[in-house]
Amino acid sequence: MRGPAALRGPSGAATLLRGLLLFGEYAVSHGYAASSVSAWEATISA
């Protein structure tokens, strides 16, 4: 599965991975593991 052009290349992949890791840590630390959509919205608005 290939993502959009913006996610291709080392910089795009690194940014995506870093974002996923930060989001994962935020979701777990705030107890949003059961509601990933709410956690994502909270992360964006924070």
N, C-alpha and C. Protein backbone atom coordinates (compact mmCIF):
# COMPACT_ATOMS: atom_id res chain seq x y z
N MET A 1 0.85 -1.19 0.00
CA MET A 1 0.00 0.00 0.00
C MET A 1 0.89 1.24 0.00
N ARG A 2 0.62 2.15 -0.91
CA ARG A 2 1.45 3.35 -1.02
C ARG A 2 0.67 4.58 -0.59
N GLY A 3 1.32 5.43 0.16
CA GLY A 3 0.67 6.67 0.60
C GLY A 3 0.81 7.76 -0.44
N PRO A 4 0.30 8.93 -0.15
CA PRO A 4 0.42 10.06 -1.07
C PRO A 4 1.88 10.48 -1.24
N ALA A 5 2.13 11.29 -2.25
CA ALA A 5 3.50 11.70 -2.57
C ALA A 5 4.18 12.37 -1.37
N ALA A 6 3.42 13.08 -0.56
CA ALA A 6 4.00 13.80 0.58
C ALA A 6 4.61 12.86 1.61
N LEU A 7 4.14 11.61 1.64
CA LEU A 7 4.65 10.66 2.63
C LEU A 7 5.79 9.82 2.10
N ARG A 8 6.14 9.98 0.82
CA ARG A 8 7.23 9.20 0.26
C ARG A 8 8.57 9.84 0.59
N GLY A 9 9.60 9.04 0.66
CA GLY A 9 10.93 9.57 0.96
C GLY A 9 11.23 9.51 2.44
N PRO A 10 12.51 9.63 2.79
CA PRO A 10 12.94 9.50 4.18
C PRO A 10 12.35 10.55 5.10
N SER A 11 12.26 11.80 4.64
CA SER A 11 11.74 12.86 5.51
C SER A 11 10.26 12.65 5.80
N GLY A 12 9.50 12.29 4.77
CA GLY A 12 8.07 12.04 4.97
C GLY A 12 7.84 10.86 5.89
N ALA A 13 8.60 9.78 5.69
CA ALA A 13 8.43 8.60 6.52
C ALA A 13 8.82 8.90 7.97
N ALA A 14 9.89 9.64 8.17
CA ALA A 14 10.33 9.98 9.53
C ALA A 14 9.28 10.83 10.23
N THR A 15 8.72 11.80 9.51
CA THR A 15 7.69 12.66 10.09
C THR A 15 6.46 11.85 10.46
N LEU A 16 6.06 10.94 9.56
CA LEU A 16 4.88 10.11 9.82
C LEU A 16 5.11 9.21 11.04
N LEU A 17 6.28 8.57 11.10
CA LEU A 17 6.57 7.68 12.23
C LEU A 17 6.63 8.46 13.54
N ARG A 18 7.26 9.64 13.51
CA ARG A 18 7.35 10.46 14.71
C ARG A 18 5.96 10.88 15.18
N GLY A 19 5.11 11.25 14.23
CA GLY A 19 3.74 11.63 14.57
C GLY A 19 2.96 10.48 15.19
N LEU A 20 3.12 9.29 14.60
CA LEU A 20 2.42 8.12 15.14
C LEU A 20 2.90 7.79 16.54
N LEU A 21 4.20 7.89 16.78
CA LEU A 21 4.74 7.60 18.11
C LEU A 21 4.23 8.61 19.14
N LEU A 22 4.26 9.89 18.78
CA LEU A 22 3.78 10.92 19.69
C LEU A 22 2.30 10.74 19.98
N PHE A 23 1.53 10.44 18.93
CA PHE A 23 0.10 10.22 19.10
C PHE A 23 -0.16 9.02 20.00
N GLY A 24 0.60 7.95 19.78
CA GLY A 24 0.43 6.75 20.59
C GLY A 24 0.72 7.02 22.06
N GLU A 25 1.80 7.74 22.34
CA GLU A 25 2.14 8.06 23.72
C GLU A 25 1.06 8.95 24.35
N TYR A 26 0.58 9.93 23.59
CA TYR A 26 -0.46 10.82 24.09
C TYR A 26 -1.74 10.04 24.40
N ALA A 27 -2.14 9.17 23.46
CA ALA A 27 -3.37 8.40 23.63
C ALA A 27 -3.29 7.50 24.86
N VAL A 28 -2.16 6.81 25.02
CA VAL A 28 -2.00 5.90 26.16
C VAL A 28 -1.96 6.69 27.47
N SER A 29 -1.22 7.78 27.50
CA SER A 29 -1.06 8.53 28.74
C SER A 29 -2.36 9.20 29.17
N HIS A 30 -3.26 9.48 28.22
CA HIS A 30 -4.52 10.12 28.55
C HIS A 30 -5.68 9.12 28.59
N GLY A 31 -5.37 7.83 28.46
CA GLY A 31 -6.40 6.81 28.58
C GLY A 31 -7.38 6.78 27.42
N TYR A 32 -6.91 7.18 26.24
CA TYR A 32 -7.81 7.21 25.08
C TYR A 32 -7.64 5.98 24.18
N ALA A 33 -6.98 4.94 24.68
CA ALA A 33 -6.70 3.77 23.84
C ALA A 33 -7.99 3.16 23.29
N ALA A 34 -9.09 3.25 24.02
CA ALA A 34 -10.35 2.66 23.57
C ALA A 34 -11.10 3.58 22.63
N SER A 35 -10.64 4.82 22.47
CA SER A 35 -11.34 5.79 21.63
C SER A 35 -10.33 6.59 20.83
N SER A 36 -9.73 5.94 19.84
CA SER A 36 -8.64 6.55 19.09
C SER A 36 -9.08 7.80 18.34
N VAL A 37 -10.33 7.85 17.88
CA VAL A 37 -10.81 9.03 17.16
C VAL A 37 -10.83 10.23 18.08
N SER A 38 -11.36 10.06 19.28
CA SER A 38 -11.40 11.15 20.25
C SER A 38 -9.99 11.61 20.60
N ALA A 39 -9.07 10.65 20.75
CA ALA A 39 -7.69 10.99 21.07
C ALA A 39 -7.06 11.79 19.94
N TRP A 40 -7.34 11.38 18.70
CA TRP A 40 -6.78 12.09 17.55
C TRP A 40 -7.30 13.51 17.50
N GLU A 41 -8.62 13.69 17.70
CA GLU A 41 -9.20 15.03 17.68
C GLU A 41 -8.62 15.87 18.82
N ALA A 42 -8.45 15.28 19.98
CA ALA A 42 -7.89 16.00 21.12
C ALA A 42 -6.45 16.41 20.84
N THR A 43 -5.70 15.52 20.18
CA THR A 43 -4.31 15.82 19.86
C THR A 43 -4.22 16.97 18.88
N ILE A 44 -5.11 16.98 17.88
CA ILE A 44 -5.09 18.04 16.87
C ILE A 44 -5.46 19.38 17.51
N SER A 45 -6.46 19.39 18.38
CA SER A 45 -6.94 20.64 18.96
C SER A 45 -6.05 21.13 20.10
N ALA A 46 -5.22 20.26 20.64
CA ALA A 46 -4.36 20.63 21.77
C ALA A 46 -3.30 21.64 21.34
